[in-house]
């Protein structure tokens, strides 16, 4: 397997993992925010954080898939 294909698959896997842990990660970050601000809305910050992590994870998945496919086709 070409190194680019392996890198692309690992990057896509990291994106899938990030997608899976987005909600608990964002919830924990929102709870930490309450340490700084007593009026922080945990539900809103959890939703916002989840969206941010999932957008980043989707980018990793797409970029990883493209790297894997392009590396695979470059080796033909």
N, C-alpha and C. Protein backbone atom coordinates (compact mmCIF):
# COMPACT_ATOMS: atom_id res chain seq x y z
N UNK A 1 0.85 -1.17 0.00
CA UNK A 1 0.00 0.00 0.00
C UNK A 1 0.90 1.24 0.00
N UNK A 2 0.57 2.18 -0.84
CA UNK A 2 1.35 3.40 -0.95
C UNK A 2 1.20 4.24 0.34
N UNK A 3 2.26 4.94 0.70
CA UNK A 3 2.19 5.76 1.92
C UNK A 3 1.08 6.82 1.88
N UNK A 4 0.82 7.37 0.70
CA UNK A 4 -0.24 8.36 0.58
C UNK A 4 -1.61 7.77 0.84
N UNK A 5 -1.82 6.54 0.39
CA UNK A 5 -3.10 5.87 0.63
C UNK A 5 -3.28 5.63 2.12
N UNK A 6 -2.22 5.14 2.76
CA UNK A 6 -2.29 4.89 4.20
C UNK A 6 -2.54 6.19 4.97
N UNK A 7 -1.85 7.25 4.59
CA UNK A 7 -2.05 8.55 5.24
C UNK A 7 -3.49 9.03 5.05
N UNK A 8 -4.02 8.88 3.85
CA UNK A 8 -5.39 9.30 3.58
C UNK A 8 -6.40 8.51 4.40
N UNK A 9 -6.17 7.21 4.52
CA UNK A 9 -7.08 6.38 5.31
C UNK A 9 -7.01 6.73 6.80
N UNK A 10 -5.79 6.98 7.29
CA UNK A 10 -5.64 7.38 8.69
C UNK A 10 -6.32 8.73 8.94
N UNK A 11 -6.15 9.65 8.00
CA UNK A 11 -6.78 10.96 8.15
C UNK A 11 -8.31 10.84 8.13
N UNK A 12 -8.83 10.02 7.24
CA UNK A 12 -10.28 9.79 7.20
C UNK A 12 -10.76 9.12 8.48
N UNK A 13 -9.98 8.18 9.00
CA UNK A 13 -10.34 7.52 10.26
C UNK A 13 -10.33 8.49 11.43
N UNK A 14 -9.37 9.41 11.43
CA UNK A 14 -9.34 10.43 12.48
C UNK A 14 -10.58 11.33 12.38
N UNK A 15 -11.00 11.62 11.16
CA UNK A 15 -12.20 12.41 10.97
C UNK A 15 -13.44 11.69 11.48
N UNK A 16 -13.54 10.40 11.20
CA UNK A 16 -14.68 9.62 11.69
C UNK A 16 -14.68 9.55 13.22
N UNK A 17 -13.49 9.38 13.79
CA UNK A 17 -13.39 9.36 15.25
C UNK A 17 -13.80 10.70 15.84
N UNK A 18 -13.34 11.79 15.23
CA UNK A 18 -13.70 13.13 15.70
C UNK A 18 -15.22 13.35 15.61
N UNK A 19 -15.82 12.86 14.54
CA UNK A 19 -17.26 12.98 14.37
C UNK A 19 -17.99 12.25 15.50
N UNK A 20 -17.47 11.08 15.85
CA UNK A 20 -18.13 10.26 16.87
C UNK A 20 -18.04 10.88 18.26
N UNK A 21 -16.94 11.56 18.58
CA UNK A 21 -16.78 12.11 19.92
C UNK A 21 -17.14 13.60 19.99
N UNK A 22 -17.72 14.15 18.94
CA UNK A 22 -18.00 15.59 18.90
C UNK A 22 -18.92 16.03 20.02
N UNK A 23 -20.00 15.32 20.25
CA UNK A 23 -20.99 15.74 21.25
C UNK A 23 -20.41 15.71 22.67
N UNK A 24 -19.81 14.60 23.13
CA UNK A 24 -19.27 14.61 24.50
C UNK A 24 -18.13 15.62 24.67
N UNK A 25 -17.33 15.79 23.63
CA UNK A 25 -16.24 16.75 23.69
C UNK A 25 -16.77 18.18 23.84
N UNK A 26 -17.79 18.50 23.05
CA UNK A 26 -18.38 19.84 23.12
C UNK A 26 -19.10 20.06 24.44
N UNK A 27 -19.74 19.03 24.97
CA UNK A 27 -20.43 19.15 26.25
C UNK A 27 -19.43 19.44 27.37
N UNK A 28 -18.30 18.74 27.33
CA UNK A 28 -17.28 18.96 28.35
C UNK A 28 -16.70 20.38 28.25
N UNK A 29 -16.47 20.85 27.02
CA UNK A 29 -15.96 22.21 26.83
C UNK A 29 -16.98 23.25 27.30
N UNK A 30 -18.26 22.98 27.08
CA UNK A 30 -19.30 23.91 27.53
C UNK A 30 -19.35 23.97 29.06
N UNK A 31 -19.15 22.84 29.71
CA UNK A 31 -19.14 22.83 31.18
C UNK A 31 -17.93 23.58 31.72
N UNK A 32 -16.80 23.46 31.04
CA UNK A 32 -15.62 24.21 31.45
C UNK A 32 -15.87 25.71 31.29
N UNK A 33 -16.62 26.09 30.27
CA UNK A 33 -16.94 27.50 30.05
C UNK A 33 -17.73 28.07 31.23
N UNK A 34 -18.52 27.25 31.90
CA UNK A 34 -19.28 27.75 33.05
C UNK A 34 -18.37 28.11 34.22
N UNK A 35 -17.15 27.60 34.23
CA UNK A 35 -16.21 27.98 35.28
C UNK A 35 -15.84 29.45 35.15
N UNK A 36 -15.82 29.93 33.90
CA UNK A 36 -15.42 31.31 33.64
C UNK A 36 -16.61 32.26 33.72
N UNK A 37 -17.75 31.81 33.19
CA UNK A 37 -18.93 32.67 33.15
C UNK A 37 -20.11 31.92 33.77
N UNK A 38 -20.66 32.50 34.82
CA UNK A 38 -21.78 31.87 35.50
C UNK A 38 -23.05 31.88 34.65
N UNK A 39 -23.12 32.76 33.67
CA UNK A 39 -24.33 32.88 32.85
C UNK A 39 -24.20 32.15 31.52
N UNK A 40 -23.19 31.32 31.36
CA UNK A 40 -22.99 30.60 30.09
C UNK A 40 -24.12 29.61 29.86
N UNK A 41 -24.64 29.57 28.65
CA UNK A 41 -25.71 28.65 28.27
C UNK A 41 -25.07 27.35 27.78
N UNK A 42 -25.11 26.32 28.62
CA UNK A 42 -24.42 25.06 28.32
C UNK A 42 -25.01 24.40 27.08
N UNK A 43 -26.31 24.41 26.93
CA UNK A 43 -26.95 23.76 25.78
C UNK A 43 -26.52 24.44 24.48
N UNK A 44 -26.54 25.77 24.46
CA UNK A 44 -26.16 26.49 23.25
C UNK A 44 -24.69 26.27 22.92
N UNK A 45 -23.81 26.34 23.92
CA UNK A 45 -22.39 26.12 23.67
C UNK A 45 -22.11 24.68 23.25
N UNK A 46 -22.88 23.73 23.77
CA UNK A 46 -22.71 22.34 23.35
C UNK A 46 -23.08 22.18 21.88
N UNK A 47 -24.18 22.77 21.46
CA UNK A 47 -24.60 22.68 20.06
C UNK A 47 -23.59 23.36 19.14
N UNK A 48 -23.13 24.53 19.55
CA UNK A 48 -22.16 25.27 18.74
C UNK A 48 -20.85 24.49 18.63
N UNK A 49 -20.38 23.96 19.74
CA UNK A 49 -19.13 23.19 19.72
C UNK A 49 -19.26 21.93 18.89
N UNK A 50 -20.41 21.25 18.99
CA UNK A 50 -20.63 20.04 18.20
C UNK A 50 -20.58 20.36 16.71
N UNK A 51 -21.21 21.46 16.32
CA UNK A 51 -21.20 21.85 14.92
C UNK A 51 -19.79 22.15 14.45
N UNK A 52 -19.01 22.86 15.25
CA UNK A 52 -17.65 23.19 14.86
C UNK A 52 -16.78 21.94 14.71
N UNK A 53 -16.88 21.01 15.65
CA UNK A 53 -16.08 19.80 15.58
C UNK A 53 -16.51 18.94 14.39
N UNK A 54 -17.81 18.86 14.13
CA UNK A 54 -18.28 18.03 13.03
C UNK A 54 -17.93 18.62 11.67
N UNK A 55 -17.90 19.94 11.54
CA UNK A 55 -17.46 20.56 10.28
C UNK A 55 -15.98 20.24 10.05
N UNK A 56 -15.18 20.37 11.10
CA UNK A 56 -13.76 20.03 10.98
C UNK A 56 -13.58 18.55 10.65
N UNK A 57 -14.35 17.69 11.28
CA UNK A 57 -14.25 16.25 11.03
C UNK A 57 -14.65 15.92 9.59
N UNK A 58 -15.68 16.57 9.09
CA UNK A 58 -16.10 16.33 7.70
C UNK A 58 -15.00 16.75 6.73
N UNK A 59 -14.32 17.85 7.03
CA UNK A 59 -13.20 18.28 6.18
C UNK A 59 -12.08 17.24 6.21
N UNK A 60 -11.77 16.70 7.38
CA UNK A 60 -10.73 15.67 7.47
C UNK A 60 -11.12 14.43 6.67
N UNK A 61 -12.38 14.03 6.75
CA UNK A 61 -12.84 12.85 6.02
C UNK A 61 -12.71 13.07 4.52
N UNK A 62 -13.17 14.22 4.04
CA UNK A 62 -13.11 14.50 2.60
C UNK A 62 -11.67 14.60 2.12
N UNK A 63 -10.84 15.34 2.85
CA UNK A 63 -9.44 15.49 2.44
C UNK A 63 -8.72 14.15 2.49
N UNK A 64 -8.97 13.36 3.53
CA UNK A 64 -8.35 12.04 3.63
C UNK A 64 -8.77 11.13 2.49
N UNK A 65 -10.04 11.15 2.14
CA UNK A 65 -10.53 10.34 1.03
C UNK A 65 -9.88 10.78 -0.28
N UNK A 66 -9.78 12.08 -0.49
CA UNK A 66 -9.15 12.59 -1.72
C UNK A 66 -7.68 12.20 -1.79
N UNK A 67 -6.97 12.32 -0.68
CA UNK A 67 -5.56 11.93 -0.66
C UNK A 67 -5.42 10.45 -0.98
N UNK A 68 -6.27 9.61 -0.38
CA UNK A 68 -6.19 8.17 -0.61
C UNK A 68 -6.47 7.84 -2.07
N UNK A 69 -7.52 8.44 -2.63
CA UNK A 69 -7.89 8.14 -4.03
C UNK A 69 -6.84 8.65 -4.99
N UNK A 70 -6.37 9.88 -4.78
CA UNK A 70 -5.36 10.43 -5.68
C UNK A 70 -4.04 9.67 -5.58
N UNK A 71 -3.67 9.25 -4.39
CA UNK A 71 -2.44 8.45 -4.22
C UNK A 71 -2.60 7.10 -4.89
N UNK A 72 -3.78 6.54 -4.79
CA UNK A 72 -4.03 5.24 -5.39
C UNK A 72 -4.00 5.32 -6.91
N UNK A 73 -4.61 6.35 -7.46
CA UNK A 73 -4.62 6.50 -8.92
C UNK A 73 -3.26 6.93 -9.46
N UNK A 74 -2.47 7.65 -8.66
CA UNK A 74 -1.14 8.06 -9.11
C UNK A 74 -0.20 6.85 -9.20
N UNK A 75 -0.49 5.82 -8.44
CA UNK A 75 0.34 4.61 -8.47
C UNK A 75 0.03 3.66 -9.59
N UNK A 76 -1.03 3.93 -10.35
CA UNK A 76 -1.40 3.01 -11.44
C UNK A 76 -0.57 3.21 -12.67
